Amino acid sequence: MSPDHIHITTEPHYLAEHSAPDEQNYVFAYTISIQNRGPNSVQLLSRRWLITDANGKIIEVEGSGVVGEQPNIAPGAIFTYTSGVKLDTPVGVMEGSYLFIEQDGREFAAPIAPFRLSLPHLIN
């Protein structure tokens, strides 16, 4: 299977109630949906994120699975989860990839396109 069989959508949200802008503390949640458009089940093994804030500071995050899970995603199925990130600036960008394994043991990476984290109405 190829990364083209994995469709990833992102939906970020600013969490004002958890943020403290006067202390350069901006908290965002993001919901990720991963759809398996391929013919075989796949398991998500790990994630890799590059998070860049408005000052150019880059944070790299790597780890096993997502939100404590390494989900199996059947053909046609969608796995959705929500997580969060804290930035020192009101704007940032996240991008990365997921590593999957197929039933036959072959591994492949699926890219996560860059998406913006920003306060509402700050950037059009």
PDB file of N, CA and C in Angstrom:
ATOM      1  N   MET A   1       0.854  -1.175   0.000  1.00  0.00           N
ATOM      2  CA  MET A   1       0.000   0.000   0.000  1.00  0.00           C
ATOM      3  C   MET A   1       0.901   1.238   0.000  1.00  0.00           C
ATOM      4  N   SER A   2       0.375   2.337  -0.468  1.00  0.00           N
ATOM      5  CA  SER A   2       1.158   3.565  -0.534  1.00  0.00           C
ATOM      6  C   SER A   2       0.544   4.631   0.375  1.00  0.00           C
ATOM      7  N   PRO A   3       1.330   5.672   0.666  1.00  0.00           N
ATOM      8  CA  PRO A   3       0.785   6.769   1.476  1.00  0.00           C
ATOM      9  C   PRO A   3      -0.449   7.403   0.844  1.00  0.00           C
ATOM     10  N   ASP A   4      -0.603   7.259  -0.474  1.00  0.00           N
ATOM     11  CA  ASP A   4      -1.777   7.820  -1.154  1.00  0.00           C
ATOM     12  C   ASP A   4      -3.078   7.192  -0.669  1.00  0.00           C
ATOM     13  N   HIS A   5      -2.998   6.004  -0.081  1.00  0.00           N
ATOM     14  CA  HIS A   5      -4.197   5.326   0.413  1.00  0.00           C
ATOM     15  C   HIS A   5      -4.636   5.839   1.784  1.00  0.00           C
ATOM     16  N   ILE A   6      -3.808   6.672   2.399  1.00  0.00           N
ATOM     17  CA  ILE A   6      -4.131   7.231   3.713  1.00  0.00           C
ATOM     18  C   ILE A   6      -4.504   8.701   3.525  1.00  0.00           C
ATOM     19  N   HIS A   7      -5.722   9.053   3.929  1.00  0.00           N
ATOM     20  CA  HIS A   7      -6.209  10.435   3.801  1.00  0.00           C
ATOM     21  C   HIS A   7      -6.288  11.039   5.207  1.00  0.00           C
ATOM     22  N   ILE A   8      -5.556  12.120   5.419  1.00  0.00           N
ATOM     23  CA  ILE A   8      -5.464  12.745   6.742  1.00  0.00           C
ATOM     24  C   ILE A   8      -6.054  14.147   6.682  1.00  0.00           C
ATOM     25  N   THR A   9      -6.996  14.433   7.588  1.00  0.00           N
ATOM     26  CA  THR A   9      -7.549  15.779   7.699  1.00  0.00           C
ATOM     27  C   THR A   9      -7.256  16.321   9.093  1.00  0.00           C
ATOM     28  N   THR A  10      -7.082  17.628   9.175  1.00  0.00           N
ATOM     29  CA  THR A  10      -6.739  18.285  10.437  1.00  0.00           C
ATOM     30  C   THR A  10      -7.726  19.408  10.714  1.00  0.00           C
ATOM     31  N   GLU A  11      -8.037  19.588  11.990  1.00  0.00           N
ATOM     32  CA  GLU A  11      -8.945  20.664  12.397  1.00  0.00           C
ATOM     33  C   GLU A  11      -8.439  21.266  13.708  1.00  0.00           C
ATOM     34  N   PRO A  12      -7.679  22.370  13.620  1.00  0.00           N
ATOM     35  CA  PRO A  12      -7.148  22.995  14.835  1.00  0.00           C
ATOM     36  C   PRO A  12      -8.135  23.978  15.465  1.00  0.00           C
ATOM     37  N   HIS A  13      -8.013  24.158  16.782  1.00  0.00           N
ATOM     38  CA  HIS A  13      -8.853  25.097  17.534  1.00  0.00           C
ATOM     39  C   HIS A  13      -8.009  25.756  18.620  1.00  0.00           C
ATOM     40  N   TYR A  14      -8.205  27.051  18.809  1.00  0.00           N
ATOM     41  CA  TYR A  14      -7.560  27.772  19.902  1.00  0.00           C
ATOM     42  C   TYR A  14      -8.361  27.556  21.178  1.00  0.00           C
ATOM     43  N   LEU A  15      -7.680  27.254  22.277  1.00  0.00           N
ATOM     44  CA  LEU A  15      -8.339  27.023  23.567  1.00  0.00           C
ATOM     45  C   LEU A  15      -8.077  28.222  24.488  1.00  0.00           C
ATOM     46  N   ALA A  16      -8.910  29.242  24.353  1.00  0.00           N
ATOM     47  CA  ALA A  16      -8.733  30.473  25.133  1.00  0.00           C
ATOM     48  C   ALA A  16      -8.775  30.205  26.630  1.00  0.00           C
ATOM     49  N   GLU A  17      -9.643  29.287  27.061  1.00  0.00           N
ATOM     50  CA  GLU A  17      -9.809  29.019  28.488  1.00  0.00           C
ATOM     51  C   GLU A  17      -8.584  28.376  29.130  1.00  0.00           C
ATOM     52  N   HIS A  18      -7.685  27.809  28.312  1.00  0.00           N
ATOM     53  CA  HIS A  18      -6.467  27.185  28.836  1.00  0.00           C
ATOM     54  C   HIS A  18      -5.216  28.015  28.540  1.00  0.00           C
ATOM     55  N   SER A  19      -5.407  29.147  27.875  1.00  0.00           N
ATOM     56  CA  SER A  19      -4.285  29.982  27.459  1.00  0.00           C
ATOM     57  C   SER A  19      -4.110  31.176  28.391  1.00  0.00           C
ATOM     58  N   ALA A  20      -2.905  31.720  28.384  1.00  0.00           N
ATOM     59  CA  ALA A  20      -2.581  32.934  29.144  1.00  0.00           C
ATOM     60  C   ALA A  20      -1.692  33.810  28.259  1.00  0.00           C
ATOM     61  N   PRO A  21      -2.304  34.559  27.329  1.00  0.00           N
ATOM     62  CA  PRO A  21      -1.514  35.354  26.384  1.00  0.00           C
ATOM     63  C   PRO A  21      -0.530  36.315  27.044  1.00  0.00           C
ATOM     64  N   ASP A  22      -0.878  36.873  28.210  1.00  0.00           N
ATOM     65  CA  ASP A  22       0.033  37.785  28.905  1.00  0.00           C
ATOM     66  C   ASP A  22       1.295  37.081  29.389  1.00  0.00           C
ATOM     67  N   GLU A  23       1.270  35.744  29.424  1.00  0.00           N
ATOM     68  CA  GLU A  23       2.433  34.938  29.815  1.00  0.00           C
ATOM     69  C   GLU A  23       3.010  34.173  28.624  1.00  0.00           C
ATOM     70  N   GLN A  24       2.659  34.583  27.406  1.00  0.00           N
ATOM     71  CA  GLN A  24       3.086  33.905  26.174  1.00  0.00           C
ATOM     72  C   GLN A  24       2.773  32.409  26.226  1.00  0.00           C
ATOM     73  N   ASN A  25       1.548  32.116  26.583  1.00  0.00           N
ATOM     74  CA  ASN A  25       1.094  30.730  26.699  1.00  0.00           C
ATOM     75  C   ASN A  25      -0.193  30.587  25.884  1.00  0.00           C
ATOM     76  N   TYR A  26      -0.076  29.975  24.711  1.00  0.00           N
ATOM     77  CA  TYR A  26      -1.202  29.803  23.793  1.00  0.00           C
ATOM     78  C   TYR A  26      -1.423  28.307  23.591  1.00  0.00           C
ATOM     79  N   VAL A  27      -2.612  27.847  23.936  1.00  0.00           N
ATOM     80  CA  VAL A  27      -2.908  26.413  23.876  1.00  0.00           C
ATOM     81  C   VAL A  27      -3.887  26.143  22.735  1.00  0.00           C
ATOM     82  N   PHE A  28      -3.548  25.137  21.948  1.00  0.00           N
ATOM     83  CA  PHE A  28      -4.374  24.747  20.809  1.00  0.00           C
ATOM     84  C   PHE A  28      -4.707  23.268  20.907  1.00  0.00           C
ATOM     85  N   ALA A  29      -5.911  22.926  20.497  1.00  0.00           N
ATOM     86  CA  ALA A  29      -6.292  21.526  20.307  1.00  0.00           C
ATOM     87  C   ALA A  29      -6.333  21.289  18.805  1.00  0.00           C
ATOM     88  N   TYR A  30      -6.094  20.053  18.417  1.00  0.00           N
ATOM     89  CA  TYR A  30      -6.241  19.699  17.009  1.00  0.00           C
ATOM     90  C   TYR A  30      -6.873  18.317  16.927  1.00  0.00           C
ATOM     91  N   THR A  31      -7.825  18.201  16.018  1.00  0.00           N
ATOM     92  CA  THR A  31      -8.489  16.924  15.779  1.00  0.00           C
ATOM     93  C   THR A  31      -7.988  16.386  14.448  1.00  0.00           C
ATOM     94  N   ILE A  32      -7.538  15.154  14.475  1.00  0.00           N
ATOM     95  CA  ILE A  32      -7.002  14.493  13.282  1.00  0.00           C
ATOM     96  C   ILE A  32      -7.912  13.329  12.925  1.00  0.00           C
ATOM     97  N   SER A  33      -8.261  13.237  11.650  1.00  0.00           N
ATOM     98  CA  SER A  33      -9.003  12.083  11.133  1.00  0.00           C
ATOM     99  C   SER A  33      -8.131  11.393  10.099  1.00  0.00           C
ATOM    100  N   ILE A  34      -7.967  10.089  10.273  1.00  0.00           N
ATOM    101  CA  ILE A  34      -7.139   9.282   9.378  1.00  0.00           C
ATOM    102  C   ILE A  34      -8.040   8.258   8.711  1.00  0.00           C
ATOM    103  N   GLN A  35      -8.181   8.361   7.406  1.00  0.00           N
ATOM    104  CA  GLN A  35      -9.027   7.423   6.662  1.00  0.00           C
ATOM    105  C   GLN A  35      -8.146   6.486   5.850  1.00  0.00           C
ATOM    106  N   ASN A  36      -8.439   5.192   5.956  1.00  0.00           N
ATOM    107  CA  ASN A  36      -7.739   4.175   5.173  1.00  0.00           C
ATOM    108  C   ASN A  36      -8.517   3.951   3.883  1.00  0.00           C
ATOM    109  N   ARG A  37      -7.997   4.448   2.775  1.00  0.00           N
ATOM    110  CA  ARG A  37      -8.642   4.284   1.476  1.00  0.00           C
ATOM    111  C   ARG A  37      -8.037   3.123   0.688  1.00  0.00           C
ATOM    112  N   GLY A  38      -7.202   2.345   1.353  1.00  0.00           N
ATOM    113  CA  GLY A  38      -6.552   1.220   0.691  1.00  0.00           C
ATOM    114  C   GLY A  38      -7.329  -0.073   0.849  1.00  0.00           C
ATOM    115  N   PRO A  39      -6.818  -1.155   0.236  1.00  0.00           N
ATOM    116  CA  PRO A  39      -7.505  -2.444   0.256  1.00  0.00           C
ATOM    117  C   PRO A  39      -7.222  -3.296   1.495  1.00  0.00           C
ATOM    118  N   ASN A  40      -6.229  -2.904   2.313  1.00  0.00           N
ATOM    119  CA  ASN A  40      -5.826  -3.719   3.463  1.00  0.00           C
ATOM    120  C   ASN A  40      -5.831  -2.902   4.750  1.00  0.00           C
ATOM    121  N   SER A  41      -5.974  -3.600   5.867  1.00  0.00           N
ATOM    122  CA  SER A  41      -5.864  -2.945   7.171  1.00  0.00           C
ATOM    123  C   SER A  41      -4.433  -2.480   7.400  1.00  0.00           C
ATOM    124  N   VAL A  42      -4.300  -1.395   8.149  1.00  0.00           N
ATOM    125  CA  VAL A  42      -2.987  -0.881   8.530  1.00  0.00           C
ATOM    126  C   VAL A  42      -3.014  -0.556  10.018  1.00  0.00           C
ATOM    127  N   GLN A  43      -1.834  -0.560  10.622  1.00  0.00           N
ATOM    128  CA  GLN A  43      -1.715  -0.165  12.019  1.00  0.00           C
ATOM    129  C   GLN A  43      -0.800   1.050  12.099  1.00  0.00           C
ATOM    130  N   LEU A  44      -1.235   2.053  12.841  1.00  0.00           N
ATOM    131  CA  LEU A  44      -0.423   3.245  13.058  1.00  0.00           C
ATOM    132  C   LEU A  44       0.589   2.924  14.154  1.00  0.00           C
ATOM    133  N   LEU A  45       1.873   2.984  13.811  1.00  0.00           N
ATOM    134  CA  LEU A  45       2.919   2.644  14.770  1.00  0.00           C
ATOM    135  C   LEU A  45       3.437   3.851  15.545  1.00  0.00           C
ATOM    136  N   SER A  46       3.678   4.951  14.817  1.00  0.00           N
ATOM    137  CA  SER A  46       4.296   6.102  15.475  1.00  0.00           C
ATOM    138  C   SER A  46       3.958   7.392  14.737  1.00  0.00           C
ATOM    139  N   ARG A  47       4.330   8.491  15.394  1.00  0.00           N
ATOM    140  CA  ARG A  47       4.078   9.813  14.834  1.00  0.00           C
ATOM    141  C   ARG A  47       5.349  10.641  14.930  1.00  0.00           C
ATOM    142  N   ARG A  48       5.435  11.618  14.050  1.00  0.00           N
ATOM    143  CA  ARG A  48       6.530  12.593  14.086  1.00  0.00           C
ATOM    144  C   ARG A  48       5.932  13.944  13.735  1.00  0.00           C
ATOM    145  N   TRP A  49       6.131  14.916  14.614  1.00  0.00           N
ATOM    146  CA  TRP A  49       5.623  16.273  14.398  1.00  0.00           C
ATOM    147  C   TRP A  49       6.777  17.265  14.384  1.00  0.00           C
ATOM    148  N   LEU A  50       6.667  18.261  13.512  1.00  0.00           N
ATOM    149  CA  LEU A  50       7.507  19.450  13.560  1.00  0.00           C
ATOM    150  C   LEU A  50       6.563  20.613  13.824  1.00  0.00           C
ATOM    151  N   ILE A  51       6.767  21.293  14.936  1.00  0.00           N
ATOM    152  CA  ILE A  51       5.900  22.390  15.353  1.00  0.00           C
ATOM    153  C   ILE A  51       6.749  23.656  15.359  1.00  0.00           C
ATOM    154  N   THR A  52       6.342  24.641  14.571  1.00  0.00           N
ATOM    155  CA  THR A  52       7.105  25.879  14.442  1.00  0.00           C
ATOM    156  C   THR A  52       6.249  27.045  14.913  1.00  0.00           C
ATOM    157  N   ASP A  53       6.788  27.854  15.850  1.00  0.00           N
ATOM    158  CA  ASP A  53       6.019  29.015  16.303  1.00  0.00           C
ATOM    159  C   ASP A  53       6.406  30.246  15.482  1.00  0.00           C
ATOM    160  N   ALA A  54       5.784  31.375  15.766  1.00  0.00           N
ATOM    161  CA  ALA A  54       5.992  32.593  14.980  1.00  0.00           C
ATOM    162  C   ALA A  54       7.396  33.169  15.139  1.00  0.00           C
ATOM    163  N   ASN A  55       8.127  32.745  16.164  1.00  0.00           N
ATOM    164  CA  ASN A  55       9.507  33.186  16.354  1.00  0.00           C
ATOM    165  C   ASN A  55      10.503  32.296  15.626  1.00  0.00           C
ATOM    166  N   GLY A  56       9.998  31.257  14.952  1.00  0.00           N
ATOM    167  CA  GLY A  56      10.874  30.327  14.251  1.00  0.00           C
ATOM    168  C   GLY A  56      11.377  29.190  15.118  1.00  0.00           C
ATOM    169  N   LYS A  57      10.946  29.147  16.361  1.00  0.00           N
ATOM    170  CA  LYS A  57      11.331  28.053  17.259  1.00  0.00           C
ATOM    171  C   LYS A  57      10.674  26.766  16.776  1.00  0.00           C
ATOM    172  N   ILE A  58      11.472  25.709  16.620  1.00  0.00           N
ATOM    173  CA  ILE A  58      10.965  24.431  16.126  1.00  0.00           C
ATOM    174  C   ILE A  58      11.032  23.396  17.240  1.00  0.00           C
ATOM    175  N   ILE A  59       9.918  22.728  17.443  1.00  0.00           N
ATOM    176  CA  ILE A  59       9.847  21.627  18.404  1.00  0.00           C
ATOM    177  C   ILE A  59       9.591  20.361  17.604  1.00  0.00           C
ATOM    178  N   GLU A  60      10.411  19.342  17.830  1.00  0.00           N
ATOM    179  CA  GLU A  60      10.215  18.059  17.171  1.00  0.00           C
ATOM    180  C   GLU A  60       9.671  17.074  18.196  1.00  0.00           C
ATOM    181  N   VAL A  61       8.580  16.412  17.840  1.00  0.00           N
ATOM    182  CA  VAL A  61       7.942  15.444  18.730  1.00  0.00           C
ATOM    183  C   VAL A  61       7.851  14.115  17.996  1.00  0.00           C
ATOM    184  N   GLU A  62       8.395  13.070  18.606  1.00  0.00           N
ATOM    185  CA  GLU A  62       8.283  11.728  18.048  1.00  0.00           C
ATOM    186  C   GLU A  62       7.810  10.800  19.146  1.00  0.00           C
ATOM    187  N   GLY A  63       7.016   9.812  18.765  1.00  0.00           N
ATOM    188  CA  GLY A  63       6.561   8.875  19.773  1.00  0.00           C
ATOM    189  C   GLY A  63       5.767   7.739  19.193  1.00  0.00           C
ATOM    190  N   SER A  64       5.529   6.780  20.036  1.00  0.00           N
ATOM    191  CA  SER A  64       4.762   5.600  19.669  1.00  0.00           C
ATOM    192  C   SER A  64       3.281   5.942  19.614  1.00  0.00           C
ATOM    193  N   GLY A  65       2.626   5.564  18.519  1.00  0.00           N
ATOM    194  CA  GLY A  65       1.182   5.721  18.402  1.00  0.00           C
ATOM    195  C   GLY A  65       0.706   7.150  18.560  1.00  0.00           C
ATOM    196  N   VAL A  66      -0.588   7.275  18.864  1.00  0.00           N
ATOM    197  CA  VAL A  66      -1.225   8.576  19.106  1.00  0.00           C
ATOM    198  C   VAL A  66      -2.167   8.425  20.290  1.00  0.00           C
ATOM    199  N   VAL A  67      -2.196   9.402  21.157  1.00  0.00           N
ATOM    200  CA  VAL A  67      -3.022   9.412  22.373  1.00  0.00           C
ATOM    201  C   VAL A  67      -3.051   8.043  23.068  1.00  0.00           C
ATOM    202  N   GLY A  68      -1.868   7.438  23.203  1.00  0.00           N
ATOM    203  CA  GLY A  68      -1.755   6.170  23.907  1.00  0.00           C
ATOM    204  C   GLY A  68      -2.220   4.945  23.142  1.00  0.00           C
ATOM    205  N   GLU A  69      -2.499   5.088  21.862  1.00  0.00           N
ATOM    206  CA  GLU A  69      -2.988   3.965  21.061  1.00  0.00           C
ATOM    207  C   GLU A  69      -2.124   3.757  19.826  1.00  0.00           C
ATOM    208  N   GLN A  70      -2.120   2.529  19.339  1.00  0.00           N
ATOM    209  CA  GLN A  70      -1.568   2.185  18.031  1.00  0.00           C
ATOM    210  C   GLN A  70      -2.710   1.527  17.258  1.00  0.00           C
ATOM    211  N   PRO A  71      -3.630   2.345  16.761  1.00  0.00           N
ATOM    212  CA  PRO A  71      -4.869   1.796  16.208  1.00  0.00           C
ATOM    213  C   PRO A  71      -4.679   1.012  14.913  1.00  0.00           C
ATOM    214  N   ASN A  72      -5.486  -0.038  14.773  1.00  0.00           N
ATOM    215  CA  ASN A  72      -5.627  -0.733  13.497  1.00  0.00           C
ATOM    216  C   ASN A  72      -6.765  -0.048  12.764  1.00  0.00           C
ATOM    217  N   ILE A  73      -6.535   0.263  11.493  1.00  0.00           N
ATOM    218  CA  ILE A  73      -7.543   0.962  10.699  1.00  0.00           C
ATOM    219  C   ILE A  73      -7.894   0.083   9.506  1.00  0.00           C
ATOM    220  N   ALA A  74      -9.117  -0.404   9.489  1.00  0.00           N
ATOM    221  CA  ALA A  74      -9.588  -1.300   8.427  1.00  0.00           C
ATOM    222  C   ALA A  74      -9.823  -0.516   7.136  1.00  0.00           C
ATOM    223  N   PRO A  75      -9.871  -1.205   5.997  1.00  0.00           N
ATOM    224  CA  PRO A  75     -10.179  -0.523   4.743  1.00  0.00           C
ATOM    225  C   PRO A  75     -11.503   0.236   4.852  1.00  0.00           C
ATOM    226  N   GLY A  76     -11.487   1.488   4.449  1.00  0.00           N
ATOM    227  CA  GLY A  76     -12.688   2.318   4.493  1.00  0.00           C
ATOM    228  C   GLY A  76     -12.966   2.957   5.838  1.00  0.00           C
ATOM    229  N   ALA A  77     -12.258   2.538   6.868  1.00  0.00           N
ATOM    230  CA  ALA A  77     -12.506   3.051   8.220  1.00  0.00           C
ATOM    231  C   ALA A  77     -11.779   4.377   8.448  1.00  0.00           C
ATOM    232  N   ILE A  78     -12.275   5.107   9.438  1.00  0.00           N
ATOM    233  CA  ILE A  78     -11.673   6.379   9.835  1.00  0.00           C
ATOM    234  C   ILE A  78     -11.370   6.318  11.331  1.00  0.00           C
ATOM    235  N   PHE A  79     -10.151   6.698  11.695  1.00  0.00           N
ATOM    236  CA  PHE A  79      -9.765   6.822  13.100  1.00  0.00           C
ATOM    237  C   PHE A  79      -9.592   8.310  13.387  1.00  0.00           C
ATOM    238  N   THR A  80     -10.260   8.796  14.429  1.00  0.00           N
ATOM    239  CA  THR A  80     -10.208  10.214  14.782  1.00  0.00           C
ATOM    240  C   THR A  80      -9.745  10.362  16.228  1.00  0.00           C
ATOM    241  N   TYR A  81      -8.889  11.334  16.459  1.00  0.00           N
ATOM    242  CA  TYR A  81      -8.461  11.630  17.826  1.00  0.00           C
ATOM    243  C   TYR A  81      -8.209  13.130  17.959  1.00  0.00           C
ATOM    244  N   THR A  82      -8.176  13.588  19.200  1.00  0.00           N
ATOM    245  CA  THR A  82      -7.884  14.987  19.499  1.00  0.00           C
ATOM    246  C   THR A  82      -6.725  15.051  20.483  1.00  0.00           C
ATOM    247  N   SER A  83      -5.816  15.967  20.232  1.00  0.00           N
ATOM    248  CA  SER A  83      -4.684  16.183  21.121  1.00  0.00           C
ATOM    249  C   SER A  83      -4.450  17.684  21.220  1.00  0.00           C
ATOM    250  N   GLY A  84      -3.358  18.084  21.841  1.00  0.00           N
ATOM    251  CA  GLY A  84      -3.116  19.503  22.022  1.00  0.00           C
ATOM    252  C   GLY A  84      -1.648  19.860  21.999  1.00  0.00           C
ATOM    253  N   VAL A  85      -1.409  21.165  21.904  1.00  0.00           N
ATOM    254  CA  VAL A  85      -0.046  21.683  21.881  1.00  0.00           C
ATOM    255  C   VAL A  85      -0.053  23.087  22.483  1.00  0.00           C
ATOM    256  N   LYS A  86       1.047  23.446  23.145  1.00  0.00           N
ATOM    257  CA  LYS A  86       1.208  24.779  23.722  1.00  0.00           C
ATOM    258  C   LYS A  86       2.311  25.502  22.961  1.00  0.00           C
ATOM    259  N   LEU A  87       2.018  26.742  22.578  1.00  0.00           N
ATOM    260  CA  LEU A  87       3.005  27.576  21.892  1.00  0.00           C
ATOM    261  C   LEU A  87       3.298  28.827  22.714  1.00  0.00           C
ATOM    262  N   ASP A  88       4.450  29.446  22.436  1.00  0.00           N
ATOM    263  CA  ASP A  88       4.812  30.719  23.060  1.00  0.00           C
ATOM    264  C   ASP A  88       4.299  31.907  22.257  1.00  0.00           C
ATOM    265  N   THR A  89       3.741  31.650  21.075  1.00  0.00           N
ATOM    266  CA  THR A  89       3.259  32.712  20.188  1.00  0.00           C
ATOM    267  C   THR A  89       1.822  32.410  19.766  1.00  0.00           C
ATOM    268  N   PRO A  90       1.072  33.434  19.311  1.00  0.00           N
ATOM    269  CA  PRO A  90      -0.323  33.212  18.931  1.00  0.00           C
ATOM    270  C   PRO A  90      -0.506  32.533  17.576  1.00  0.00           C
ATOM    271  N   VAL A  91       0.601  32.289  16.878  1.00  0.00           N
ATOM    272  CA  VAL A  91       0.542  31.657  15.564  1.00  0.00           C
ATOM    273  C   VAL A  91       1.638  30.608  15.472  1.00  0.00           C
ATOM    274  N   GLY A  92       1.333  29.506  14.812  1.00  0.00           N
ATOM    275  CA  GLY A  92       2.322  28.467  14.567  1.00  0.00           C
ATOM    276  C   GLY A  92       1.865  27.555  13.453  1.00  0.00           C
ATOM    277  N   VAL A  93       2.737  26.619  13.102  1.00  0.00           N
ATOM    278  CA  VAL A  93       2.434  25.643  12.057  1.00  0.00           C
ATOM    279  C   VAL A  93       2.871  24.270  12.540  1.00  0.00           C
ATOM    280  N   MET A  94       2.038  23.275  12.268  1.00  0.00           N
ATOM    281  CA  MET A  94       2.387  21.882  12.557  1.00  0.00           C
ATOM    282  C   MET A  94       2.397  21.100  11.255  1.00  0.00           C
ATOM    283  N   GLU A  95       3.313  20.152  11.156  1.00  0.00           N
ATOM    284  CA  GLU A  95       3.351  19.213  10.044  1.00  0.00           C
ATOM    285  C   GLU A  95       4.085  17.975  10.529  1.00  0.00           C
ATOM    286  N   GLY A  96       3.981  16.898   9.775  1.00  0.00           N
ATOM    287  CA  GLY A  96       4.672  15.706  10.212  1.00  0.00           C
ATOM    288  C   GLY A  96       4.337  14.489   9.383  1.00  0.00           C
ATOM    289  N   SER A  97       4.376  13.336  10.054  1.00  0.00           N
ATOM    290  CA  SER A  97       4.063  12.083   9.369  1.00  0.00           C
ATOM    291  C   SER A  97       3.690  11.016  10.387  1.00  0.00           C
ATOM    292  N   TYR A  98       2.972  10.021   9.887  1.00  0.00           N
ATOM    293  CA  TYR A  98       2.650   8.824  10.654  1.00  0.00           C
ATOM    294  C   TYR A  98       3.339   7.647   9.999  1.00  0.00           C
ATOM    295  N   LEU A  99       3.863   6.741  10.817  1.00  0.00           N
ATOM    296  CA  LEU A  99       4.438   5.499  10.312  1.00  0.00           C
ATOM    297  C   LEU A  99       3.409   4.399  10.501  1.00  0.00           C
ATOM    298  N   PHE A 100       3.097   3.711   9.418  1.00  0.00           N
ATOM    299  CA  PHE A 100       2.130   2.618   9.423  1.00  0.00           C
ATOM    300  C   PHE A 100       2.822   1.311   9.083  1.00  0.00           C
ATOM    301  N   ILE A 101       2.196   0.205   9.487  1.00  0.00           N
ATOM    302  CA  ILE A 101       2.640  -1.120   9.080  1.00  0.00           C
ATOM    303  C   ILE A 101       1.441  -1.867   8.505  1.00  0.00           C
ATOM    304  N   GLU A 102       1.704  -2.559   7.401  1.00  0.00           N
ATOM    305  CA  GLU A 102       0.661  -3.367   6.775  1.00  0.00           C
ATOM    306  C   GLU A 102       0.661  -4.762   7.391  1.00  0.00           C
ATOM    307  N   GLN A 103      -0.360  -5.532   7.081  1.00  0.00           N
ATOM    308  CA  GLN A 103      -0.486  -6.884   7.629  1.00  0.00           C
ATOM    309  C   GLN A 103       0.688  -7.773   7.233  1.00  0.00           C
ATOM    310  N   ASP A 104       1.300  -7.507   6.072  1.00  0.00           N
ATOM    311  CA  ASP A 104       2.428  -8.328   5.617  1.00  0.00           C
ATOM    312  C   ASP A 104       3.764  -7.847   6.176  1.00  0.00           C
ATOM    313  N   GLY A 105       3.736  -6.837   7.046  1.00  0.00           N
ATOM    314  CA  GLY A 105       4.948  -6.363   7.695  1.00  0.00           C
ATOM    315  C   GLY A 105       5.627  -5.187   7.017  1.00  0.00           C
ATOM    316  N   ARG A 106       5.137  -4.779   5.864  1.00  0.00           N
ATOM    317  CA  ARG A 106       5.742  -3.631   5.188  1.00  0.00           C
ATOM    318  C   ARG A 106       5.338  -2.339   5.894  1.00  0.00           C
ATOM    319  N   GLU A 107       6.316  -1.460   6.075  1.00  0.00           N
ATOM    320  CA  GLU A 107       6.071  -0.174   6.719  1.00  0.00           C
ATOM    321  C   GLU A 107       6.094   0.943   5.682  1.00  0.00           C
ATOM    322  N   PHE A 108       5.331   1.987   5.939  1.00  0.00           N
ATOM    323  CA  PHE A 108       5.368   3.169   5.082  1.00  0.00           C
ATOM    324  C   PHE A 108       4.978   4.386   5.906  1.00  0.00           C
ATOM    325  N   ALA A 109       5.468   5.540   5.471  1.00  0.00           N
ATOM    326  CA  ALA A 109       5.156   6.803   6.141  1.00  0.00           C
ATOM    327  C   ALA A 109       4.123   7.565   5.324  1.00  0.00           C
ATOM    328  N   ALA A 110       3.150   8.144   6.015  1.00  0.00           N
ATOM    329  CA  ALA A 110       2.140   8.989   5.376  1.00  0.00           C
ATOM    330  C   ALA A 110       2.341  10.417   5.879  1.00  0.00           C
ATOM    331  N   PRO A 111       2.552  11.366   4.972  1.00  0.00           N
ATOM    332  CA  PRO A 111       2.795  12.746   5.398  1.00  0.00           C
ATOM    333  C   PRO A 111       1.537  13.431   5.924  1.00  0.00           C
ATOM    334  N   ILE A 112       1.738  14.327   6.873  1.00  0.00           N
ATOM    335  CA  ILE A 112       0.670  15.185   7.387  1.00  0.00           C
ATOM    336  C   ILE A 112       0.993  16.586   6.880  1.00  0.00           C
ATOM    337  N   ALA A 113       0.141  17.109   6.011  1.00  0.00           N
ATOM    338  CA  ALA A 113       0.381  18.424   5.412  1.00  0.00           C
ATOM    339  C   ALA A 113       0.413  19.505   6.489  1.00  0.00           C
ATOM    340  N   PRO A 114       1.205  20.551   6.276  1.00  0.00           N
ATOM    341  CA  PRO A 114       1.253  21.644   7.253  1.00  0.00           C
ATOM    342  C   PRO A 114      -0.131  22.248   7.491  1.00  0.00           C
ATOM    343  N   PHE A 115      -0.415  22.547   8.756  1.00  0.00           N
ATOM    344  CA  PHE A 115      -1.649  23.257   9.086  1.00  0.00           C
ATOM    345  C   PHE A 115      -1.341  24.324  10.125  1.00  0.00           C
ATOM    346  N   ARG A 116      -2.122  25.393  10.070  1.00  0.00           N
ATOM    347  CA  ARG A 116      -1.863  26.579  10.883  1.00  0.00           C
ATOM    348  C   ARG A 116      -2.589  26.513  12.221  1.00  0.00           C
ATOM    349  N   LEU A 117      -1.878  26.950  13.234  1.00  0.00           N
ATOM    350  CA  LEU A 117      -2.448  27.173  14.560  1.00  0.00           C
ATOM    351  C   LEU A 117      -2.469  28.684  14.746  1.00  0.00           C
ATOM    352  N   SER A 118      -3.639  29.255  14.991  1.00  0.00           N
ATOM    353  CA  SER A 118      -3.686  30.705  15.196  1.00  0.00           C
ATOM    354  C   SER A 118      -4.937  31.094  15.972  1.00  0.00           C
ATOM    355  N   LEU A 119      -4.836  32.237  16.634  1.00  0.00           N
ATOM    356  CA  LEU A 119      -6.001  32.780  17.321  1.00  0.00           C
ATOM    357  C   LEU A 119      -7.071  33.106  16.283  1.00  0.00           C
ATOM    358  N   PRO A 120      -8.341  32.945  16.635  1.00  0.00           N
ATOM    359  CA  PRO A 120      -9.416  33.279  15.690  1.00  0.00           C
ATOM    360  C   PRO A 120      -9.305  34.738  15.246  1.00  0.00           C
ATOM    361  N   HIS A 121      -9.539  34.968  13.988  1.00  0.00           N
ATOM    362  CA  HIS A 121      -9.573  36.307  13.386  1.00  0.00           C
ATOM    363  C   HIS A 121      -8.217  37.000  13.363  1.00  0.00           C
ATOM    364  N   LEU A 122      -7.145  36.295  13.749  1.00  0.00           N
ATOM    365  CA  LEU A 122      -5.818  36.907  13.713  1.00  0.00           C
ATOM    366  C   LEU A 122      -5.261  36.898  12.296  1.00  0.00           C
ATOM    367  N   ILE A 123      -5.516  35.793  11.578  1.00  0.00           N
ATOM    368  CA  ILE A 123      -5.028  35.639  10.209  1.00  0.00           C
ATOM    369  C   ILE A 123      -6.190  35.206   9.340  1.00  0.00           C
ATOM    370  N   ASN A 124      -6.349  35.848   8.220  1.00  0.00           N
ATOM    371  CA  ASN A 124      -7.425  35.474   7.287  1.00  0.00           C
ATOM    372  C   ASN A 124      -6.901  34.543   6.228  1.00  0.00           C
TER     373      ASN A 124
END
